[in-house]
Amino acid sequence: MTPGLFDPDPAAPERLKTELRVQAWLRRCAVAGLMATIARKGDPDAGALFLKVNRFAAGCEVFSGVTGPDGTPAWLRATGPKSVSEKDADTYLARQGKYDPDLWVLEIEDPKAQFVLDGKVLEI
């Protein structure tokens, strides 16, 4: 029997639900001594995940969770290669929320630049 159009691809890796990924990030940040809050709740199963890393005087970075060309989880610098102001980061995330009401935003306060992503950052 051939797989149907809506059958899951048996070769595709299982994806964790977004709500579970967010809870893992909250825990990881707490262990690292970083303050993290859910700034926006989206679809618990498949909402896109954005991380807003606030380094205060050094500005903010916004990362978007993506799938890399090799199929592994990765991140994109959603607001570009340089830090932006918190206002610009919030404006970007508000605009994305208009396009995708299911997205999640996790805000991480990182005044000492300790935060480390769990995957590769894709350069485009």
PDB file of N, CA and C in Angstrom:
ATOM      1  N   MET A   1       0.846  -1.175   0.000  1.00  0.00           N
ATOM      2  CA  MET A   1       0.000   0.000   0.000  1.00  0.00           C
ATOM      3  C   MET A   1       0.896   1.244   0.000  1.00  0.00           C
ATOM      4  N   THR A   2       0.614   2.179  -0.882  1.00  0.00           N
ATOM      5  CA  THR A   2       1.395   3.414  -0.935  1.00  0.00           C
ATOM      6  C   THR A   2       0.817   4.418   0.043  1.00  0.00           C
ATOM      7  N   PRO A   3       1.699   5.244   0.640  1.00  0.00           N
ATOM      8  CA  PRO A   3       1.185   6.239   1.589  1.00  0.00           C
ATOM      9  C   PRO A   3       0.285   7.243   0.894  1.00  0.00           C
ATOM     10  N   GLY A   4      -0.750   7.663   1.595  1.00  0.00           N
ATOM     11  CA  GLY A   4      -1.655   8.670   1.075  1.00  0.00           C
ATOM     12  C   GLY A   4      -1.096  10.063   1.267  1.00  0.00           C
ATOM     13  N   LEU A   5      -1.769  11.029   0.688  1.00  0.00           N
ATOM     14  CA  LEU A   5      -1.335  12.420   0.749  1.00  0.00           C
ATOM     15  C   LEU A   5      -1.222  12.920   2.184  1.00  0.00           C
ATOM     16  N   PHE A   6      -2.101  12.478   3.060  1.00  0.00           N
ATOM     17  CA  PHE A   6      -2.118  12.990   4.423  1.00  0.00           C
ATOM     18  C   PHE A   6      -1.487  12.042   5.432  1.00  0.00           C
ATOM     19  N   ASP A   7      -0.900  10.947   4.969  1.00  0.00           N
ATOM     20  CA  ASP A   7      -0.211  10.028   5.866  1.00  0.00           C
ATOM     21  C   ASP A   7       1.127  10.632   6.263  1.00  0.00           C
ATOM     22  N   PRO A   8       1.534  10.468   7.519  1.00  0.00           N
ATOM     23  CA  PRO A   8       2.839  10.982   7.918  1.00  0.00           C
ATOM     24  C   PRO A   8       3.953  10.257   7.174  1.00  0.00           C
ATOM     25  N   ASP A   9       5.001  10.972   6.888  1.00  0.00           N
ATOM     26  CA  ASP A   9       6.168  10.397   6.228  1.00  0.00           C
ATOM     27  C   ASP A   9       6.904   9.537   7.242  1.00  0.00           C
ATOM     28  N   PRO A  10       7.019   8.212   7.013  1.00  0.00           N
ATOM     29  CA  PRO A  10       7.667   7.353   7.999  1.00  0.00           C
ATOM     30  C   PRO A  10       9.153   7.679   8.178  1.00  0.00           C
ATOM     31  N   ALA A  11       9.762   8.336   7.203  1.00  0.00           N
ATOM     32  CA  ALA A  11      11.175   8.686   7.307  1.00  0.00           C
ATOM     33  C   ALA A  11      11.386  10.014   8.033  1.00  0.00           C
ATOM     34  N   ALA A  12      10.316  10.786   8.200  1.00  0.00           N
ATOM     35  CA  ALA A  12      10.440  12.101   8.844  1.00  0.00           C
ATOM     36  C   ALA A  12      10.604  11.923  10.356  1.00  0.00           C
ATOM     37  N   PRO A  13      11.480  12.731  10.972  1.00  0.00           N
ATOM     38  CA  PRO A  13      11.639  12.627  12.426  1.00  0.00           C
ATOM     39  C   PRO A  13      10.395  13.141  13.147  1.00  0.00           C
ATOM     40  N   GLU A  14      10.131  12.573  14.313  1.00  0.00           N
ATOM     41  CA  GLU A  14       9.024  13.043  15.142  1.00  0.00           C
ATOM     42  C   GLU A  14       9.318  14.471  15.606  1.00  0.00           C
ATOM     43  N   ARG A  15       8.326  15.318  15.565  1.00  0.00           N
ATOM     44  CA  ARG A  15       8.505  16.698  16.039  1.00  0.00           C
ATOM     45  C   ARG A  15       7.866  16.828  17.408  1.00  0.00           C
ATOM     46  N   LEU A  16       8.580  17.488  18.297  1.00  0.00           N
ATOM     47  CA  LEU A  16       8.020  17.760  19.618  1.00  0.00           C
ATOM     48  C   LEU A  16       6.966  18.849  19.504  1.00  0.00           C
ATOM     49  N   LYS A  17       5.957  18.756  20.322  1.00  0.00           N
ATOM     50  CA  LYS A  17       4.945  19.807  20.355  1.00  0.00           C
ATOM     51  C   LYS A  17       5.589  21.095  20.843  1.00  0.00           C
ATOM     52  N   THR A  18       5.122  22.211  20.318  1.00  0.00           N
ATOM     53  CA  THR A  18       5.713  23.503  20.658  1.00  0.00           C
ATOM     54  C   THR A  18       5.608  23.791  22.143  1.00  0.00           C
ATOM     55  N   GLU A  19       4.472  23.485  22.745  1.00  0.00           N
ATOM     56  CA  GLU A  19       4.316  23.756  24.171  1.00  0.00           C
ATOM     57  C   GLU A  19       5.367  23.009  24.992  1.00  0.00           C
ATOM     58  N   LEU A  20       5.698  21.804  24.599  1.00  0.00           N
ATOM     59  CA  LEU A  20       6.725  21.029  25.288  1.00  0.00           C
ATOM     60  C   LEU A  20       8.108  21.658  25.087  1.00  0.00           C
ATOM     61  N   ARG A  21       8.373  22.125  23.878  1.00  0.00           N
ATOM     62  CA  ARG A  21       9.648  22.798  23.607  1.00  0.00           C
ATOM     63  C   ARG A  21       9.778  24.069  24.448  1.00  0.00           C
ATOM     64  N   VAL A  22       8.693  24.829  24.574  1.00  0.00           N
ATOM     65  CA  VAL A  22       8.709  26.048  25.377  1.00  0.00           C
ATOM     66  C   VAL A  22       8.989  25.707  26.841  1.00  0.00           C
ATOM     67  N   GLN A  23       8.325  24.677  27.358  1.00  0.00           N
ATOM     68  CA  GLN A  23       8.553  24.277  28.751  1.00  0.00           C
ATOM     69  C   GLN A  23      10.008  23.866  28.962  1.00  0.00           C
ATOM     70  N   ALA A  24      10.592  23.188  27.982  1.00  0.00           N
ATOM     71  CA  ALA A  24      11.998  22.790  28.079  1.00  0.00           C
ATOM     72  C   ALA A  24      12.908  24.018  28.104  1.00  0.00           C
ATOM     73  N   TRP A  25      12.598  25.021  27.270  1.00  0.00           N
ATOM     74  CA  TRP A  25      13.388  26.255  27.268  1.00  0.00           C
ATOM     75  C   TRP A  25      13.268  26.981  28.597  1.00  0.00           C
ATOM     76  N   LEU A  26      12.077  27.044  29.163  1.00  0.00           N
ATOM     77  CA  LEU A  26      11.893  27.694  30.463  1.00  0.00           C
ATOM     78  C   LEU A  26      12.747  27.006  31.525  1.00  0.00           C
ATOM     79  N   ARG A  27      12.742  25.706  31.500  1.00  0.00           N
ATOM     80  CA  ARG A  27      13.533  24.924  32.469  1.00  0.00           C
ATOM     81  C   ARG A  27      15.024  25.150  32.248  1.00  0.00           C
ATOM     82  N   ARG A  28      15.439  25.104  31.001  1.00  0.00           N
ATOM     83  CA  ARG A  28      16.855  25.291  30.673  1.00  0.00           C
ATOM     84  C   ARG A  28      17.342  26.681  31.129  1.00  0.00           C
ATOM     85  N   CYS A  29      16.537  27.691  30.893  1.00  0.00           N
ATOM     86  CA  CYS A  29      16.903  29.045  31.309  1.00  0.00           C
ATOM     87  C   CYS A  29      16.963  29.144  32.827  1.00  0.00           C
ATOM     88  N   ALA A  30      16.003  28.546  33.523  1.00  0.00           N
ATOM     89  CA  ALA A  30      15.995  28.583  34.986  1.00  0.00           C
ATOM     90  C   ALA A  30      17.258  27.932  35.545  1.00  0.00           C
ATOM     91  N   VAL A  31      17.664  26.818  34.988  1.00  0.00           N
ATOM     92  CA  VAL A  31      18.876  26.129  35.430  1.00  0.00           C
ATOM     93  C   VAL A  31      20.107  27.005  35.192  1.00  0.00           C
ATOM     94  N   ALA A  32      20.110  27.771  34.097  1.00  0.00           N
ATOM     95  CA  ALA A  32      21.237  28.653  33.772  1.00  0.00           C
ATOM     96  C   ALA A  32      21.183  29.979  34.536  1.00  0.00           C
ATOM     97  N   GLY A  33      20.121  30.188  35.331  1.00  0.00           N
ATOM     98  CA  GLY A  33      19.984  31.427  36.091  1.00  0.00           C
ATOM     99  C   GLY A  33      19.488  32.596  35.258  1.00  0.00           C
ATOM    100  N   LEU A  34      18.837  32.311  34.141  1.00  0.00           N
ATOM    101  CA  LEU A  34      18.301  33.354  33.261  1.00  0.00           C
ATOM    102  C   LEU A  34      16.792  33.456  33.448  1.00  0.00           C
ATOM    103  N   MET A  35      16.302  34.664  33.453  1.00  0.00           N
ATOM    104  CA  MET A  35      14.858  34.901  33.538  1.00  0.00           C
ATOM    105  C   MET A  35      14.256  34.704  32.154  1.00  0.00           C
ATOM    106  N   ALA A  36      13.220  33.885  32.074  1.00  0.00           N
ATOM    107  CA  ALA A  36      12.532  33.657  30.799  1.00  0.00           C
ATOM    108  C   ALA A  36      11.036  33.636  31.051  1.00  0.00           C
ATOM    109  N   THR A  37      10.291  34.269  30.155  1.00  0.00           N
ATOM    110  CA  THR A  37       8.836  34.308  30.275  1.00  0.00           C
ATOM    111  C   THR A  37       8.202  34.064  28.916  1.00  0.00           C
ATOM    112  N   ILE A  38       7.011  33.534  28.956  1.00  0.00           N
ATOM    113  CA  ILE A  38       6.237  33.356  27.727  1.00  0.00           C
ATOM    114  C   ILE A  38       5.558  34.689  27.444  1.00  0.00           C
ATOM    115  N   ALA A  39       5.998  35.357  26.401  1.00  0.00           N
ATOM    116  CA  ALA A  39       5.429  36.651  26.035  1.00  0.00           C
ATOM    117  C   ALA A  39       4.190  36.486  25.164  1.00  0.00           C
ATOM    118  N   ARG A  40       4.089  35.341  24.495  1.00  0.00           N
ATOM    119  CA  ARG A  40       2.925  35.078  23.641  1.00  0.00           C
ATOM    120  C   ARG A  40       2.739  33.573  23.526  1.00  0.00           C
ATOM    121  N   LYS A  41       1.519  33.117  23.806  1.00  0.00           N
ATOM    122  CA  LYS A  41       1.183  31.698  23.665  1.00  0.00           C
ATOM    123  C   LYS A  41       0.533  31.474  22.322  1.00  0.00           C
ATOM    124  N   GLY A  42       0.965  30.428  21.658  1.00  0.00           N
ATOM    125  CA  GLY A  42       0.396  30.082  20.373  1.00  0.00           C
ATOM    126  C   GLY A  42      -0.229  28.704  20.404  1.00  0.00           C
ATOM    127  N   ASP A  43      -0.296  28.090  19.257  1.00  0.00           N
ATOM    128  CA  ASP A  43      -0.846  26.741  19.144  1.00  0.00           C
ATOM    129  C   ASP A  43       0.036  25.775  19.934  1.00  0.00           C
ATOM    130  N   PRO A  44      -0.544  25.008  20.866  1.00  0.00           N
ATOM    131  CA  PRO A  44       0.278  24.138  21.711  1.00  0.00           C
ATOM    132  C   PRO A  44       0.957  23.002  20.957  1.00  0.00           C
ATOM    133  N   ASP A  45       0.410  22.631  19.817  1.00  0.00           N
ATOM    134  CA  ASP A  45       0.967  21.497  19.087  1.00  0.00           C
ATOM    135  C   ASP A  45       1.988  21.884  18.022  1.00  0.00           C
ATOM    136  N   ALA A  46       1.666  22.892  17.227  1.00  0.00           N
ATOM    137  CA  ALA A  46       2.508  23.153  16.057  1.00  0.00           C
ATOM    138  C   ALA A  46       2.776  24.628  15.798  1.00  0.00           C
ATOM    139  N   GLY A  47       2.663  25.474  16.802  1.00  0.00           N
ATOM    140  CA  GLY A  47       2.934  26.897  16.603  1.00  0.00           C
ATOM    141  C   GLY A  47       4.415  27.151  16.388  1.00  0.00           C
ATOM    142  N   ALA A  48       4.732  28.136  15.572  1.00  0.00           N
ATOM    143  CA  ALA A  48       6.127  28.524  15.358  1.00  0.00           C
ATOM    144  C   ALA A  48       6.681  29.086  16.668  1.00  0.00           C
ATOM    145  N   LEU A  49       7.985  28.904  16.895  1.00  0.00           N
ATOM    146  CA  LEU A  49       8.619  29.377  18.118  1.00  0.00           C
ATOM    147  C   LEU A  49       9.648  30.447  17.806  1.00  0.00           C
ATOM    148  N   PHE A  50       9.505  31.599  18.470  1.00  0.00           N
ATOM    149  CA  PHE A  50      10.475  32.680  18.372  1.00  0.00           C
ATOM    150  C   PHE A  50      11.081  32.905  19.751  1.00  0.00           C
ATOM    151  N   LEU A  51      12.388  33.082  19.801  1.00  0.00           N
ATOM    152  CA  LEU A  51      13.083  33.427  21.035  1.00  0.00           C
ATOM    153  C   LEU A  51      13.552  34.864  20.929  1.00  0.00           C
ATOM    154  N   LYS A  52      13.133  35.690  21.871  1.00  0.00           N
ATOM    155  CA  LYS A  52      13.604  37.075  21.936  1.00  0.00           C
ATOM    156  C   LYS A  52      14.613  37.123  23.070  1.00  0.00           C
ATOM    157  N   VAL A  53      15.875  37.320  22.718  1.00  0.00           N
ATOM    158  CA  VAL A  53      16.943  37.369  23.712  1.00  0.00           C
ATOM    159  C   VAL A  53      17.273  38.836  23.954  1.00  0.00           C
ATOM    160  N   ASN A  54      16.946  39.291  25.156  1.00  0.00           N
ATOM    161  CA  ASN A  54      17.132  40.699  25.511  1.00  0.00           C
ATOM    162  C   ASN A  54      18.432  40.843  26.295  1.00  0.00           C
ATOM    163  N   ARG A  55      19.397  41.506  25.677  1.00  0.00           N
ATOM    164  CA  ARG A  55      20.693  41.736  26.332  1.00  0.00           C
ATOM    165  C   ARG A  55      20.791  43.178  26.827  1.00  0.00           C
ATOM    166  N   PHE A  56      19.650  43.822  26.976  1.00  0.00           N
ATOM    167  CA  PHE A  56      19.497  45.172  27.529  1.00  0.00           C
ATOM    168  C   PHE A  56      20.359  46.175  26.775  1.00  0.00           C
ATOM    169  N   ALA A  57      21.435  46.685  27.350  1.00  0.00           N
ATOM    170  CA  ALA A  57      22.241  47.727  26.698  1.00  0.00           C
ATOM    171  C   ALA A  57      22.824  47.253  25.366  1.00  0.00           C
ATOM    172  N   ALA A  58      23.056  45.961  25.235  1.00  0.00           N
ATOM    173  CA  ALA A  58      23.621  45.409  23.994  1.00  0.00           C
ATOM    174  C   ALA A  58      22.547  45.132  22.942  1.00  0.00           C
ATOM    175  N   GLY A  59      21.288  45.365  23.273  1.00  0.00           N
ATOM    176  CA  GLY A  59      20.199  45.170  22.313  1.00  0.00           C
ATOM    177  C   GLY A  59      19.568  43.786  22.394  1.00  0.00           C
ATOM    178  N   CYS A  60      18.704  43.508  21.434  1.00  0.00           N
ATOM    179  CA  CYS A  60      17.953  42.252  21.387  1.00  0.00           C
ATOM    180  C   CYS A  60      18.267  41.495  20.108  1.00  0.00           C
ATOM    181  N   GLU A  61      18.130  40.177  20.201  1.00  0.00           N
ATOM    182  CA  GLU A  61      18.166  39.317  19.027  1.00  0.00           C
ATOM    183  C   GLU A  61      16.888  38.496  19.048  1.00  0.00           C
ATOM    184  N   VAL A  62      16.329  38.264  17.876  1.00  0.00           N
ATOM    185  CA  VAL A  62      15.153  37.414  17.759  1.00  0.00           C
ATOM    186  C   VAL A  62      15.543  36.236  16.884  1.00  0.00           C
ATOM    187  N   PHE A  63      15.310  35.034  17.405  1.00  0.00           N
ATOM    188  CA  PHE A  63      15.616  33.815  16.674  1.00  0.00           C
ATOM    189  C   PHE A  63      14.317  33.090  16.353  1.00  0.00           C
ATOM    190  N   SER A  64      14.252  32.561  15.155  1.00  0.00           N
ATOM    191  CA  SER A  64      13.094  31.798  14.701  1.00  0.00           C
ATOM    192  C   SER A  64      13.504  30.344  14.518  1.00  0.00           C
ATOM    193  N   GLY A  65      12.746  29.451  15.110  1.00  0.00           N
ATOM    194  CA  GLY A  65      13.012  28.024  14.948  1.00  0.00           C
ATOM    195  C   GLY A  65      12.643  27.569  13.545  1.00  0.00           C
ATOM    196  N   VAL A  66      13.585  26.901  12.880  1.00  0.00           N
ATOM    197  CA  VAL A  66      13.384  26.420  11.516  1.00  0.00           C
ATOM    198  C   VAL A  66      13.938  24.997  11.390  1.00  0.00           C
ATOM    199  N   THR A  67      13.723  24.403  10.254  1.00  0.00           N
ATOM    200  CA  THR A  67      14.333  23.126   9.928  1.00  0.00           C
ATOM    201  C   THR A  67      15.441  23.389   8.925  1.00  0.00           C
ATOM    202  N   GLY A  68      16.633  22.917   9.245  1.00  0.00           N
ATOM    203  CA  GLY A  68      17.787  23.121   8.374  1.00  0.00           C
ATOM    204  C   GLY A  68      17.687  22.297   7.096  1.00  0.00           C
ATOM    205  N   PRO A  69      18.568  22.567   6.135  1.00  0.00           N
ATOM    206  CA  PRO A  69      18.543  21.845   4.866  1.00  0.00           C
ATOM    207  C   PRO A  69      18.728  20.333   5.031  1.00  0.00           C
ATOM    208  N   ASP A  70      19.391  19.927   6.113  1.00  0.00           N
ATOM    209  CA  ASP A  70      19.607  18.499   6.358  1.00  0.00           C
ATOM    210  C   ASP A  70      18.486  17.868   7.179  1.00  0.00           C
ATOM    211  N   GLY A  71      17.431  18.659   7.484  1.00  0.00           N
ATOM    212  CA  GLY A  71      16.283  18.142   8.220  1.00  0.00           C
ATOM    213  C   GLY A  71      16.391  18.262   9.730  1.00  0.00           C
ATOM    214  N   THR A  72      17.503  18.799  10.227  1.00  0.00           N
ATOM    215  CA  THR A  72      17.666  18.954  11.670  1.00  0.00           C
ATOM    216  C   THR A  72      17.134  20.314  12.120  1.00  0.00           C
ATOM    217  N   PRO A  73      16.731  20.427  13.382  1.00  0.00           N
ATOM    218  CA  PRO A  73      16.280  21.726  13.887  1.00  0.00           C
ATOM    219  C   PRO A  73      17.426  22.740  13.861  1.00  0.00           C
ATOM    220  N   ALA A  74      17.085  23.979  13.552  1.00  0.00           N
ATOM    221  CA  ALA A  74      18.073  25.050  13.475  1.00  0.00           C
ATOM    222  C   ALA A  74      17.371  26.358  13.827  1.00  0.00           C
ATOM    223  N   TRP A  75      18.128  27.445  13.782  1.00  0.00           N
ATOM    224  CA  TRP A  75      17.606  28.769  14.106  1.00  0.00           C
ATOM    225  C   TRP A  75      18.009  29.763  13.035  1.00  0.00           C
ATOM    226  N   LEU A  76      17.169  30.764  12.836  1.00  0.00           N
ATOM    227  CA  LEU A  76      17.489  31.907  11.975  1.00  0.00           C
ATOM    228  C   LEU A  76      17.478  33.167  12.826  1.00  0.00           C
ATOM    229  N   ARG A  77      18.384  34.083  12.526  1.00  0.00           N
ATOM    230  CA  ARG A  77      18.354  35.393  13.178  1.00  0.00           C
ATOM    231  C   ARG A  77      17.264  36.192  12.465  1.00  0.00           C
ATOM    232  N   ALA A  78      16.097  36.224  13.061  1.00  0.00           N
ATOM    233  CA  ALA A  78      14.923  36.781  12.399  1.00  0.00           C
ATOM    234  C   ALA A  78      15.020  38.282  12.159  1.00  0.00           C
ATOM    235  N   THR A  79      15.750  38.990  13.017  1.00  0.00           N
ATOM    236  CA  THR A  79      15.861  40.442  12.864  1.00  0.00           C
ATOM    237  C   THR A  79      17.182  40.854  12.230  1.00  0.00           C
ATOM    238  N   GLY A  80      17.900  39.906  11.660  1.00  0.00           N
ATOM    239  CA  GLY A  80      19.143  40.218  10.972  1.00  0.00           C
ATOM    240  C   GLY A  80      20.377  39.888  11.793  1.00  0.00           C
ATOM    241  N   PRO A  81      21.549  40.120  11.203  1.00  0.00           N
ATOM    242  CA  PRO A  81      22.799  39.695  11.844  1.00  0.00           C
ATOM    243  C   PRO A  81      23.227  40.524  13.045  1.00  0.00           C
ATOM    244  N   LYS A  82      22.690  41.728  13.182  1.00  0.00           N
ATOM    245  CA  LYS A  82      23.075  42.606  14.294  1.00  0.00           C
ATOM    246  C   LYS A  82      21.940  42.738  15.297  1.00  0.00           C
ATOM    247  N   SER A  83      22.307  43.065  16.525  1.00  0.00           N
ATOM    248  CA  SER A  83      21.293  43.307  17.557  1.00  0.00           C
ATOM    249  C   SER A  83      20.440  44.510  17.174  1.00  0.00           C
ATOM    250  N   VAL A  84      19.200  44.493  17.645  1.00  0.00           N
ATOM    251  CA  VAL A  84      18.271  45.595  17.394  1.00  0.00           C
ATOM    252  C   VAL A  84      17.757  46.090  18.741  1.00  0.00           C
ATOM    253  N   SER A  85      17.100  47.234  18.726  1.00  0.00           N
ATOM    254  CA  SER A  85      16.506  47.754  19.961  1.00  0.00           C
ATOM    255  C   SER A  85      15.340  46.859  20.384  1.00  0.00           C
ATOM    256  N   GLU A  86      14.972  46.938  21.645  1.00  0.00           N
ATOM    257  CA  GLU A  86      13.842  46.147  22.120  1.00  0.00           C
ATOM    258  C   GLU A  86      12.560  46.549  21.389  1.00  0.00           C
ATOM    259  N   LYS A  87      12.411  47.837  21.108  1.00  0.00           N
ATOM    260  CA  LYS A  87      11.232  48.316  20.378  1.00  0.00           C
ATOM    261  C   LYS A  87      11.171  47.678  18.992  1.00  0.00           C
ATOM    262  N   ASP A  88      12.311  47.618  18.295  1.00  0.00           N
ATOM    263  CA  ASP A  88      12.338  47.005  16.965  1.00  0.00           C
ATOM    264  C   ASP A  88      12.042  45.505  17.034  1.00  0.00           C
ATOM    265  N   ALA A  89      12.567  44.842  18.049  1.00  0.00           N
ATOM    266  CA  ALA A  89      12.298  43.411  18.225  1.00  0.00           C
ATOM    267  C   ALA A  89      10.805  43.184  18.472  1.00  0.00           C
ATOM    268  N   ASP A  90      10.208  43.998  19.334  1.00  0.00           N
ATOM    269  CA  ASP A  90       8.781  43.855  19.633  1.00  0.00           C
ATOM    270  C   ASP A  90       7.918  44.168  18.406  1.00  0.00           C
ATOM    271  N   THR A  91       8.320  45.165  17.634  1.00  0.00           N
ATOM    272  CA  THR A  91       7.585  45.510  16.412  1.00  0.00           C
ATOM    273  C   THR A  91       7.639  44.348  15.423  1.00  0.00           C
ATOM    274  N   TYR A  92       8.817  43.755  15.272  1.00  0.00           N
ATOM    275  CA  TYR A  92       8.961  42.602  14.377  1.00  0.00           C
ATOM    276  C   TYR A  92       8.055  41.456  14.826  1.00  0.00           C
ATOM    277  N   LEU A  93       8.075  41.140  16.119  1.00  0.00           N
ATOM    278  CA  LEU A  93       7.275  40.020  16.627  1.00  0.00           C
ATOM    279  C   LEU A  93       5.780  40.300  16.511  1.00  0.00           C
ATOM    280  N   ALA A  94       5.362  41.547  16.721  1.00  0.00           N
ATOM    281  CA  ALA A  94       3.945  41.906  16.565  1.00  0.00           C
ATOM    282  C   ALA A  94       3.518  41.720  15.110  1.00  0.00           C
ATOM    283  N   ARG A  95       4.388  42.117  14.189  1.00  0.00           N
ATOM    284  CA  ARG A  95       4.089  41.950  12.764  1.00  0.00           C
ATOM    285  C   ARG A  95       3.976  40.464  12.410  1.00  0.00           C
ATOM    286  N   GLN A  96       4.871  39.646  12.928  1.00  0.00           N
ATOM    287  CA  GLN A  96       4.808  38.211  12.664  1.00  0.00           C
ATOM    288  C   GLN A  96       3.534  37.604  13.244  1.00  0.00           C
ATOM    289  N   GLY A  97       3.106  38.119  14.411  1.00  0.00           N
ATOM    290  CA  GLY A  97       1.883  37.638  15.043  1.00  0.00           C
ATOM    291  C   GLY A  97       0.636  37.925  14.221  1.00  0.00           C
ATOM    292  N   LYS A  98       0.683  38.980  13.418  1.00  0.00           N
ATOM    293  CA  LYS A  98      -0.447  39.275  12.529  1.00  0.00           C
ATOM    294  C   LYS A  98      -0.526  38.256  11.400  1.00  0.00           C
ATOM    295  N   TYR A  99       0.642  37.778  10.934  1.00  0.00           N
ATOM    296  CA  TYR A  99       0.672  36.782   9.864  1.00  0.00           C
ATOM    297  C   TYR A  99       0.364  35.386  10.377  1.00  0.00           C
ATOM    298  N   ASP A 100       0.812  35.113  11.606  1.00  0.00           N
ATOM    299  CA  ASP A 100       0.663  33.773  12.172  1.00  0.00           C
ATOM    300  C   ASP A 100       0.182  33.879  13.619  1.00  0.00           C
ATOM    301  N   PRO A 101      -1.126  33.816  13.843  1.00  0.00           N
ATOM    302  CA  PRO A 101      -1.645  33.959  15.203  1.00  0.00           C
ATOM    303  C   PRO A 101      -1.302  32.782  16.112  1.00  0.00           C
ATOM    304  N   ASP A 102      -0.744  31.702  15.555  1.00  0.00           N
ATOM    305  CA  ASP A 102      -0.415  30.520  16.351  1.00  0.00           C
ATOM    306  C   ASP A 102       1.007  30.530  16.903  1.00  0.00           C
ATOM    307  N   LEU A 103       1.776  31.583  16.632  1.00  0.00           N
ATOM    308  CA  LEU A 103       3.183  31.566  17.047  1.00  0.00           C
ATOM    309  C   LEU A 103       3.362  31.798  18.543  1.00  0.00           C
ATOM    310  N   TRP A 104       4.482  31.316  19.050  1.00  0.00           N
ATOM    311  CA  TRP A 104       4.893  31.481  20.438  1.00  0.00           C
ATOM    312  C   TRP A 104       6.074  32.435  20.484  1.00  0.00           C
ATOM    313  N   VAL A 105       6.165  33.228  21.554  1.00  0.00           N
ATOM    314  CA  VAL A 105       7.327  34.079  21.790  1.00  0.00           C
ATOM    315  C   VAL A 105       7.795  33.830  23.213  1.00  0.00           C
ATOM    316  N   LEU A 106       9.048  33.412  23.326  1.00  0.00           N
ATOM    317  CA  LEU A 106       9.677  33.241  24.625  1.00  0.00           C
ATOM    318  C   LEU A 106      10.711  34.341  24.773  1.00  0.00           C
ATOM    319  N   GLU A 107      10.562  35.168  25.811  1.00  0.00           N
ATOM    320  CA  GLU A 107      11.504  36.261  26.041  1.00  0.00           C
ATOM    321  C   GLU A 107      12.495  35.858  27.124  1.00  0.00           C
ATOM    322  N   ILE A 108      13.778  35.989  26.793  1.00  0.00           N
ATOM    323  CA  ILE A 108      14.859  35.599  27.693  1.00  0.00           C
ATOM    324  C   ILE A 108      15.676  36.840  28.027  1.00  0.00           C
ATOM    325  N   GLU A 109      15.828  37.114  29.316  1.00  0.00           N
ATOM    326  CA  GLU A 109      16.635  38.249  29.761  1.00  0.00           C
ATOM    327  C   GLU A 109      18.060  37.752  29.991  1.00  0.00           C
ATOM    328  N   ASP A 110      18.995  38.330  29.242  1.00  0.00           N
ATOM    329  CA  ASP A 110      20.376  37.847  29.246  1.00  0.00           C
ATOM    330  C   ASP A 110      21.366  39.013  29.311  1.00  0.00           C
ATOM    331  N   PRO A 111      21.405  39.731  30.444  1.00  0.00           N
ATOM    332  CA  PRO A 111      22.268  40.913  30.523  1.00  0.00           C
ATOM    333  C   PRO A 111      23.761  40.599  30.469  1.00  0.00           C
ATOM    334  N   LYS A 112      24.163  39.364  30.784  1.00  0.00           N
ATOM    335  CA  LYS A 112      25.588  38.999  30.797  1.00  0.00           C
ATOM    336  C   LYS A 112      26.005  38.185  29.574  1.00  0.00           C
ATOM    337  N   ALA A 113      25.147  38.098  28.573  1.00  0.00           N
ATOM    338  CA  ALA A 113      25.424  37.354  27.335  1.00  0.00           C
ATOM    339  C   ALA A 113      25.836  35.907  27.613  1.00  0.00           C
ATOM    340  N   GLN A 114      25.066  35.221  28.442  1.00  0.00           N
ATOM    341  CA  GLN A 114      25.325  33.823  28.785  1.00  0.00           C
ATOM    342  C   GLN A 114      24.530  32.844  27.932  1.00  0.00           C
ATOM    343  N   PHE A 115      23.455  33.321  27.337  1.00  0.00           N
ATOM    344  CA  PHE A 115      22.521  32.441  26.633  1.00  0.00           C
ATOM    345  C   PHE A 115      23.184  31.770  25.429  1.00  0.00           C
ATOM    346  N   VAL A 116      22.920  30.471  25.286  1.00  0.00           N
ATOM    347  CA  VAL A 116      23.440  29.697  24.166  1.00  0.00           C
ATOM    348  C   VAL A 116      22.280  28.922  23.544  1.00  0.00           C
ATOM    349  N   LEU A 117      22.161  28.996  22.232  1.00  0.00           N
ATOM    350  CA  LEU A 117      21.123  28.233  21.530  1.00  0.00           C
ATOM    351  C   LEU A 117      21.476  26.753  21.537  1.00  0.00           C
ATOM    352  N   ASP A 118      20.460  25.930  21.318  1.00  0.00           N
ATOM    353  CA  ASP A 118      20.661  24.483  21.329  1.00  0.00           C
ATOM    354  C   ASP A 118      20.923  23.902  19.941  1.00  0.00           C
ATOM    355  N   GLY A 119      21.065  24.718  18.961  1.00  0.00           N
ATOM    356  CA  GLY A 119      21.283  24.209  17.605  1.00  0.00           C
ATOM    357  C   GLY A 119      22.042  25.209  16.754  1.00  0.00           C
ATOM    358  N   LYS A 120      22.218  24.828  15.531  1.00  0.00           N
ATOM    359  CA  LYS A 120      22.952  25.631  14.565  1.00  0.00           C
ATOM    360  C   LYS A 120      22.144  26.879  14.177  1.00  0.00           C
ATOM    361  N   VAL A 121      22.845  27.993  13.988  1.00  0.00           N
ATOM    362  CA  VAL A 121      22.221  29.213  13.477  1.00  0.00           C
ATOM    363  C   VAL A 121      22.548  29.293  11.997  1.00  0.00           C
ATOM    364  N   LEU A 122      21.507  29.269  11.173  1.00  0.00           N
ATOM    365  CA  LEU A 122      21.702  29.316   9.727  1.00  0.00           C
ATOM    366  C   LEU A 122      22.011  30.734   9.292  1.00  0.00           C
ATOM    367  N   GLU A 123      22.965  30.897   8.435  1.00  0.00           N
ATOM    368  CA  GLU A 123      23.296  32.200   7.865  1.00  0.00           C
ATOM    369  C   GLU A 123      22.679  32.286   6.481  1.00  0.00           C
ATOM    370  N   ILE A 124      21.894  33.337   6.255  1.00  0.00           N
ATOM    371  CA  ILE A 124      21.301  33.510   4.925  1.00  0.00           C
ATOM    372  C   ILE A 124      21.673  34.846   4.352  1.00  0.00           C
TER     373      ILE A 124
END
